[in-house]
Amino acid sequence: MLKQLSMLITPSSWVSTERSPNVPQLKSISTFPRPQHPPQKTAPSGNIPKPSVSHWHNILAGGVAGLIGASVTAPFDVIRTRLQNFTCHKESFLQAIQFTTYTYVKKQLLQYNNNKESSIIHLASGICAGLVTATATNPIWVVKTRMQLGNYKSSFQCFKSIFKNESFPGLYNGITASYLGTIELSIQWMLYEKFKKITTENTSNKFIGYFGAASVSKLLASVIAYPHEVLRTRMRQMPMQYINPITKEQVFGYKYKSIWQSSKFIYIEEGIRGFYGGLTSHLLKTVPNAAVMFVSFELLSGLFASL
């Protein structure tokens, strides 16, 4: 009995040095397969993302670009001398909204298209930029038009007069024609992106590439969509005494109330030429203005991205 107990408590009896044929043998740790980790995706060397520019930088670049464009092309704008400062501030505010909205919407749409640019994205971004800009700046355009046609000492006096006599809706006369004007802006942005890619790939001078792309895109877009400029200006006029060209009755009120009615009146009284009145002077101002603004915006954006 004592001999059996001594064998049980002997350490050598706990671990057998012989391999039992019925017990499966454990594999060595080195023989276990190592876990396979998925390879990390690396961006192709040719598609390194460009440094992003913040919204505040876009606002600043757009505002400064608008101010520079308005200042350089002010002599082409046939307006009164007292309106020049007002025009510069208006252009600065307008372009800040336009450039910021366009770049923001374009950035969001690119995320859904694997960062691949296309004409559809440029067109959609231009439409959104046009709608936002038209809604935010229509009161400013109404005040400018009234000051050109009426006798006001300051833009603030004109604003008070419109708000007092026509209430808030008076500041949004011609808004439908302004929304129609998004066609011009969207075409301009789409063509600009296309021409910019072509010119920058074929010339080492970015200034010339940006200037040429902006000039040609604005020229084509303006010629295509110019009738909306005529409609927009007519629909922003103040109430007046006029003869209805259809009924031949003399009435008082807004002569041009809607796009369709304004189009009929212009066609009856002036023909097709009426929709293109002032096109030459319009191009002399807007084409250089767009070229200067787009070049300024591109150069300023590049400067901010490098900071």
Protein backbone atom coordinates (compact mmCIF):
# COMPACT_ATOMS: atom_id res chain seq x y z
CA MET A 1 0.00 0.00 0.00
CA LEU A 2 2.72 2.46 0.96
CA LYS A 3 4.66 1.49 -2.13
CA GLN A 4 1.69 2.31 -4.39
CA LEU A 5 1.19 5.72 -2.74
CA SER A 6 4.84 6.59 -3.20
CA MET A 7 4.53 5.89 -6.91
CA LEU A 8 1.52 8.19 -7.23
CA ILE A 9 3.28 11.16 -5.63
CA THR A 10 6.51 10.67 -7.60
CA PRO A 11 6.81 13.58 -10.17
CA SER A 12 8.12 11.32 -12.85
CA SER A 13 4.87 9.44 -12.86
CA TRP A 14 2.82 12.57 -13.67
CA VAL A 15 4.26 13.17 -17.10
CA SER A 16 4.82 10.28 -19.42
CA THR A 17 7.74 10.50 -21.75
CA GLU A 18 6.13 8.06 -24.16
CA ARG A 19 3.65 9.12 -26.80
CA SER A 20 0.35 7.40 -26.58
CA PRO A 21 -0.96 6.27 -29.96
CA ASN A 22 -4.52 7.19 -28.98
CA VAL A 23 -3.81 10.77 -27.93
CA PRO A 24 -3.53 13.36 -30.75
CA GLN A 25 -0.24 15.20 -30.74
CA LEU A 26 -0.23 19.02 -30.60
CA LYS A 27 1.42 20.80 -33.44
CA SER A 28 4.30 23.11 -32.93
CA ILE A 29 3.45 26.76 -32.61
CA SER A 30 5.53 27.54 -35.66
CA THR A 31 3.38 25.20 -37.79
CA PHE A 32 0.11 27.14 -37.23
CA PRO A 33 -0.83 29.35 -40.22
CA ARG A 34 -0.35 33.04 -39.56
CA PRO A 35 -3.40 35.27 -39.93
CA GLN A 36 -3.51 36.98 -43.32
CA HIS A 37 -4.13 40.72 -43.07
CA PRO A 38 -5.71 42.41 -46.11
CA PRO A 39 -3.22 44.58 -47.97
CA GLN A 40 -3.55 48.25 -47.27
CA LYS A 41 -4.80 50.32 -50.16
CA THR A 42 -2.42 53.01 -51.24
CA ALA A 43 -3.28 55.91 -53.48
CA PRO A 44 -1.68 55.73 -56.91
CA SER A 45 1.36 57.94 -57.20
CA GLY A 46 -0.27 59.94 -60.02
CA ASN A 47 -3.48 60.74 -58.09
CA ILE A 48 -2.13 62.47 -55.01
CA PRO A 49 -4.99 64.60 -53.65
CA LYS A 50 -4.48 68.32 -53.80
CA PRO A 51 -4.43 70.29 -50.55
CA SER A 52 -7.96 71.31 -49.67
CA VAL A 53 -9.02 74.91 -49.25
CA SER A 54 -11.37 75.79 -46.40
CA HIS A 55 -14.74 77.46 -46.93
CA TRP A 56 -13.44 80.68 -45.36
CA HIS A 57 -10.58 80.75 -47.83
CA ASN A 58 -13.08 80.26 -50.69
CA ILE A 59 -15.21 83.12 -49.36
CA LEU A 60 -12.17 85.38 -49.06
CA ALA A 61 -10.80 84.38 -52.47
CA GLY A 62 -14.20 84.84 -54.13
CA GLY A 63 -14.79 88.20 -52.45
CA VAL A 64 -11.38 89.57 -53.37
CA ALA A 65 -11.73 88.21 -56.92
CA GLY A 66 -15.11 89.94 -57.30
CA LEU A 67 -13.70 93.20 -55.95
CA ILE A 68 -10.72 93.07 -58.32
CA GLY A 69 -12.95 92.23 -61.30
CA ALA A 70 -15.40 95.04 -60.56
CA SER A 71 -12.59 97.56 -60.02
CA VAL A 72 -10.75 96.68 -63.22
CA THR A 73 -13.84 96.64 -65.44
CA ALA A 74 -15.73 99.54 -63.85
CA PRO A 75 -15.13 101.87 -66.86
CA PHE A 76 -17.09 99.43 -69.05
CA ASP A 77 -20.13 99.59 -66.80
CA VAL A 78 -22.41 102.36 -68.04
CA ILE A 79 -23.69 103.57 -64.67
CA ARG A 80 -23.57 106.74 -62.68
CA THR A 81 -20.42 107.71 -60.84
CA ARG A 82 -22.13 107.52 -57.46
CA LEU A 83 -22.92 103.85 -58.05
CA GLN A 84 -19.32 102.71 -58.60
CA ASN A 85 -18.56 101.95 -54.94
CA PHE A 86 -21.93 100.22 -54.58
CA THR A 87 -21.19 98.09 -57.65
CA CYS A 88 -17.78 97.00 -56.31
CA HIS A 89 -19.25 95.93 -52.97
CA LYS A 90 -22.12 94.15 -54.73
CA GLU A 91 -19.79 92.26 -57.04
CA SER A 92 -17.54 91.27 -54.14
CA PHE A 93 -20.48 89.89 -52.14
CA LEU A 94 -21.99 88.15 -55.17
CA GLN A 95 -18.80 86.41 -56.24
CA ALA A 96 -17.96 85.33 -52.70
CA ILE A 97 -21.29 83.49 -52.55
CA GLN A 98 -20.98 82.08 -56.06
CA PHE A 99 -17.44 80.71 -55.79
CA THR A 100 -17.97 79.34 -52.28
CA THR A 101 -21.23 77.58 -53.20
CA TYR A 102 -19.78 76.14 -56.40
CA THR A 103 -16.65 74.73 -54.77
CA TYR A 104 -18.62 73.31 -51.83
CA VAL A 105 -21.27 71.59 -53.97
CA LYS A 106 -18.62 70.29 -56.37
CA LYS A 107 -16.64 68.82 -53.48
CA GLN A 108 -19.73 67.06 -52.12
CA LEU A 109 -20.69 65.63 -55.52
CA LEU A 110 -17.16 64.38 -56.18
CA GLN A 111 -17.36 62.26 -53.04
CA TYR A 112 -20.24 60.33 -54.60
CA ASN A 113 -18.37 59.90 -57.89
CA ASN A 114 -15.07 58.48 -56.58
CA ASN A 115 -13.44 61.91 -57.00
CA LYS A 116 -13.87 61.73 -60.77
CA GLU A 117 -14.79 65.05 -62.34
CA SER A 118 -17.37 65.21 -65.11
CA SER A 119 -19.38 67.79 -67.01
CA ILE A 120 -22.54 66.70 -65.18
CA ILE A 121 -20.94 67.52 -61.82
CA HIS A 122 -19.76 70.91 -63.10
CA LEU A 123 -23.22 71.64 -64.53
CA ALA A 124 -25.03 70.64 -61.31
CA SER A 125 -22.62 72.64 -59.17
CA GLY A 126 -23.12 75.69 -61.39
CA ILE A 127 -26.91 75.41 -61.12
CA CYS A 128 -26.76 75.23 -57.32
CA ALA A 129 -24.37 78.17 -57.19
CA GLY A 130 -26.68 80.17 -59.45
CA LEU A 131 -29.80 79.45 -57.39
CA VAL A 132 -28.15 80.35 -54.09
CA THR A 133 -26.52 83.48 -55.52
CA ALA A 134 -29.73 84.68 -57.19
CA THR A 135 -31.78 84.25 -54.02
CA ALA A 136 -29.23 86.01 -51.81
CA THR A 137 -28.44 88.93 -54.13
CA ASN A 138 -31.72 89.69 -55.93
CA PRO A 139 -32.55 92.66 -53.63
CA ILE A 140 -29.17 94.18 -54.48
CA TRP A 141 -29.85 93.85 -58.20
CA VAL A 142 -33.28 95.42 -57.79
CA VAL A 143 -31.79 98.40 -55.96
CA LYS A 144 -29.11 98.81 -58.63
CA THR A 145 -31.66 98.71 -61.46
CA ARG A 146 -33.96 101.21 -59.74
CA MET A 147 -31.07 103.59 -59.11
CA GLN A 148 -30.15 103.49 -62.78
CA LEU A 149 -33.71 104.22 -63.84
CA GLY A 150 -34.88 106.46 -61.00
CA ASN A 151 -33.74 109.52 -59.09
CA TYR A 152 -32.27 108.35 -55.79
CA LYS A 153 -29.51 109.95 -53.77
CA SER A 154 -28.19 106.72 -52.27
CA SER A 155 -28.70 102.99 -52.38
CA PHE A 156 -30.10 103.06 -48.83
CA GLN A 157 -32.76 105.60 -49.82
CA CYS A 158 -33.70 103.43 -52.79
CA PHE A 159 -33.94 100.36 -50.55
CA LYS A 160 -36.22 102.16 -48.07
CA SER A 161 -38.44 103.43 -50.87
CA ILE A 162 -38.90 99.97 -52.36
CA PHE A 163 -39.59 98.36 -49.00
CA LYS A 164 -42.06 101.11 -48.01
CA ASN A 165 -44.05 101.22 -51.26
CA GLU A 166 -43.84 97.62 -52.43
CA SER A 167 -43.07 95.72 -49.23
CA PHE A 168 -40.72 92.74 -49.09
CA PRO A 169 -41.86 91.14 -52.39
CA GLY A 170 -40.74 94.27 -54.22
CA LEU A 171 -37.13 93.36 -53.45
CA TYR A 172 -37.62 90.09 -55.30
CA ASN A 173 -39.07 91.41 -58.54
CA GLY A 174 -37.51 89.47 -61.39
CA ILE A 175 -36.47 86.53 -59.23
CA THR A 176 -37.89 84.04 -61.74
CA ALA A 177 -35.76 85.58 -64.48
CA SER A 178 -32.79 85.41 -62.13
CA TYR A 179 -33.40 81.70 -61.62
CA LEU A 180 -33.54 81.38 -65.39
CA GLY A 181 -30.13 83.01 -65.41
CA THR A 182 -28.66 79.98 -63.68
CA ILE A 183 -28.53 78.51 -67.18
CA GLU A 184 -25.81 80.99 -68.09
CA LEU A 185 -23.86 80.39 -64.89
CA SER A 186 -24.03 76.61 -65.16
CA ILE A 187 -22.94 76.67 -68.83
CA GLN A 188 -20.12 79.05 -67.94
CA TRP A 189 -18.78 76.83 -65.15
CA MET A 190 -19.06 73.67 -67.23
CA LEU A 191 -17.20 75.23 -70.17
CA TYR A 192 -14.64 76.86 -67.89
CA GLU A 193 -13.70 73.55 -66.24
CA LYS A 194 -13.40 71.92 -69.67
CA PHE A 195 -11.32 74.72 -71.21
CA LYS A 196 -9.19 75.06 -68.08
CA LYS A 197 -8.19 71.41 -68.30
CA ILE A 198 -7.30 71.79 -71.99
CA THR A 199 -5.33 75.02 -71.62
CA THR A 200 -3.42 74.04 -68.48
CA GLU A 201 -2.36 70.77 -70.13
CA ASN A 202 -1.07 72.58 -73.22
CA THR A 203 0.62 75.58 -71.66
CA SER A 204 3.02 76.02 -68.78
CA ASN A 205 1.68 79.51 -68.02
CA LYS A 206 -1.29 79.05 -65.67
CA PHE A 207 -2.25 82.72 -65.95
CA ILE A 208 -2.81 82.47 -69.69
CA GLY A 209 -4.67 79.18 -69.26
CA TYR A 210 -7.06 80.54 -66.65
CA PHE A 211 -7.57 83.83 -68.52
CA GLY A 212 -8.32 82.15 -71.86
CA ALA A 213 -10.65 79.54 -70.32
CA ALA A 214 -12.61 82.15 -68.38
CA SER A 215 -12.92 84.54 -71.34
CA VAL A 216 -14.15 81.96 -73.87
CA SER A 217 -16.54 80.26 -71.43
CA LYS A 218 -18.12 83.59 -70.40
CA LEU A 219 -18.42 84.74 -74.01
CA LEU A 220 -20.25 81.60 -75.15
CA ALA A 221 -22.46 81.39 -72.08
CA SER A 222 -23.47 85.06 -72.36
CA VAL A 223 -24.42 84.80 -76.04
CA ILE A 224 -26.49 81.67 -75.39
CA ALA A 225 -28.36 82.95 -72.35
CA TYR A 226 -28.42 86.73 -72.92
CA PRO A 227 -32.23 87.08 -73.37
CA HIS A 228 -32.65 86.33 -69.66
CA GLU A 229 -30.63 89.48 -68.89
CA VAL A 230 -33.15 91.56 -70.84
CA LEU A 231 -36.11 89.88 -69.14
CA ARG A 232 -34.55 90.23 -65.69
CA THR A 233 -33.85 93.94 -66.15
CA ARG A 234 -37.35 94.67 -67.48
CA MET A 235 -39.03 92.76 -64.63
CA ARG A 236 -37.13 94.81 -62.03
CA GLN A 237 -38.50 98.12 -63.25
CA MET A 238 -40.69 100.18 -60.96
CA PRO A 239 -44.47 100.56 -61.52
CA MET A 240 -45.22 102.93 -64.40
CA GLN A 241 -47.92 104.26 -66.71
CA TYR A 242 -47.82 102.22 -69.93
CA ILE A 243 -49.94 101.11 -72.87
CA ASN A 244 -50.63 97.40 -73.02
CA PRO A 245 -49.36 96.29 -76.47
CA ILE A 246 -52.05 93.59 -76.69
CA THR A 247 -55.19 95.38 -75.46
CA LYS A 248 -53.95 98.90 -76.34
CA GLU A 249 -55.27 100.10 -72.96
CA GLN A 250 -53.40 102.58 -70.82
CA VAL A 251 -52.76 101.15 -67.35
CA PHE A 252 -50.57 101.81 -64.31
CA GLY A 253 -48.49 99.13 -62.62
CA TYR A 254 -45.72 96.69 -63.40
CA LYS A 255 -45.41 96.44 -67.16
CA TYR A 256 -43.32 93.28 -67.06
CA LYS A 257 -44.77 90.83 -64.54
CA SER A 258 -43.70 87.35 -65.62
CA ILE A 259 -41.28 85.71 -68.01
CA TRP A 260 -43.98 84.67 -70.48
CA GLN A 261 -45.86 87.99 -70.41
CA SER A 262 -42.61 89.99 -70.63
CA SER A 263 -41.46 87.89 -73.58
CA LYS A 264 -44.72 88.59 -75.44
CA PHE A 265 -44.53 92.33 -74.80
CA ILE A 266 -40.90 92.57 -75.94
CA TYR A 267 -41.53 90.49 -79.06
CA ILE A 268 -44.62 92.53 -80.05
CA GLU A 269 -42.95 95.91 -79.49
CA GLU A 270 -39.34 95.19 -80.49
CA GLY A 271 -39.16 91.83 -82.25
CA ILE A 272 -36.31 89.34 -81.82
CA ARG A 273 -33.79 92.17 -81.65
CA GLY A 274 -35.35 93.29 -78.39
CA PHE A 275 -34.00 90.19 -76.64
CA TYR A 276 -30.43 91.08 -77.64
CA GLY A 277 -30.43 94.81 -77.04
CA GLY A 278 -27.20 95.94 -75.36
CA LEU A 279 -25.40 92.63 -75.98
CA THR A 280 -22.20 94.29 -77.22
CA SER A 281 -21.79 96.55 -74.18
CA HIS A 282 -22.71 93.61 -71.95
CA LEU A 283 -19.93 91.47 -73.42
CA LEU A 284 -17.42 94.33 -73.21
CA LYS A 285 -17.97 94.40 -69.45
CA THR A 286 -18.72 90.84 -68.43
CA VAL A 287 -16.06 88.96 -70.43
CA PRO A 288 -13.04 90.91 -69.05
CA ASN A 289 -14.71 90.93 -65.63
CA ALA A 290 -15.10 87.13 -65.62
CA ALA A 291 -11.52 86.64 -66.85
CA VAL A 292 -10.06 88.82 -64.10
CA MET A 293 -12.26 87.25 -61.40
CA PHE A 294 -11.54 83.63 -62.33
CA VAL A 295 -7.80 84.23 -62.64
CA SER A 296 -7.78 86.01 -59.26
CA PHE A 297 -9.80 83.23 -57.63
CA GLU A 298 -7.58 80.45 -58.99
CA LEU A 299 -4.35 82.20 -57.97
CA LEU A 300 -5.66 83.11 -54.51
CA SER A 301 -7.00 79.58 -53.94
CA GLY A 302 -3.60 78.15 -54.88
CA LEU A 303 -1.92 80.59 -52.52
CA PHE A 304 -4.19 79.67 -49.60
CA ALA A 305 -3.75 75.95 -50.27
CA SER A 306 0.03 76.31 -50.04
CA LEU A 307 -0.07 78.09 -46.67
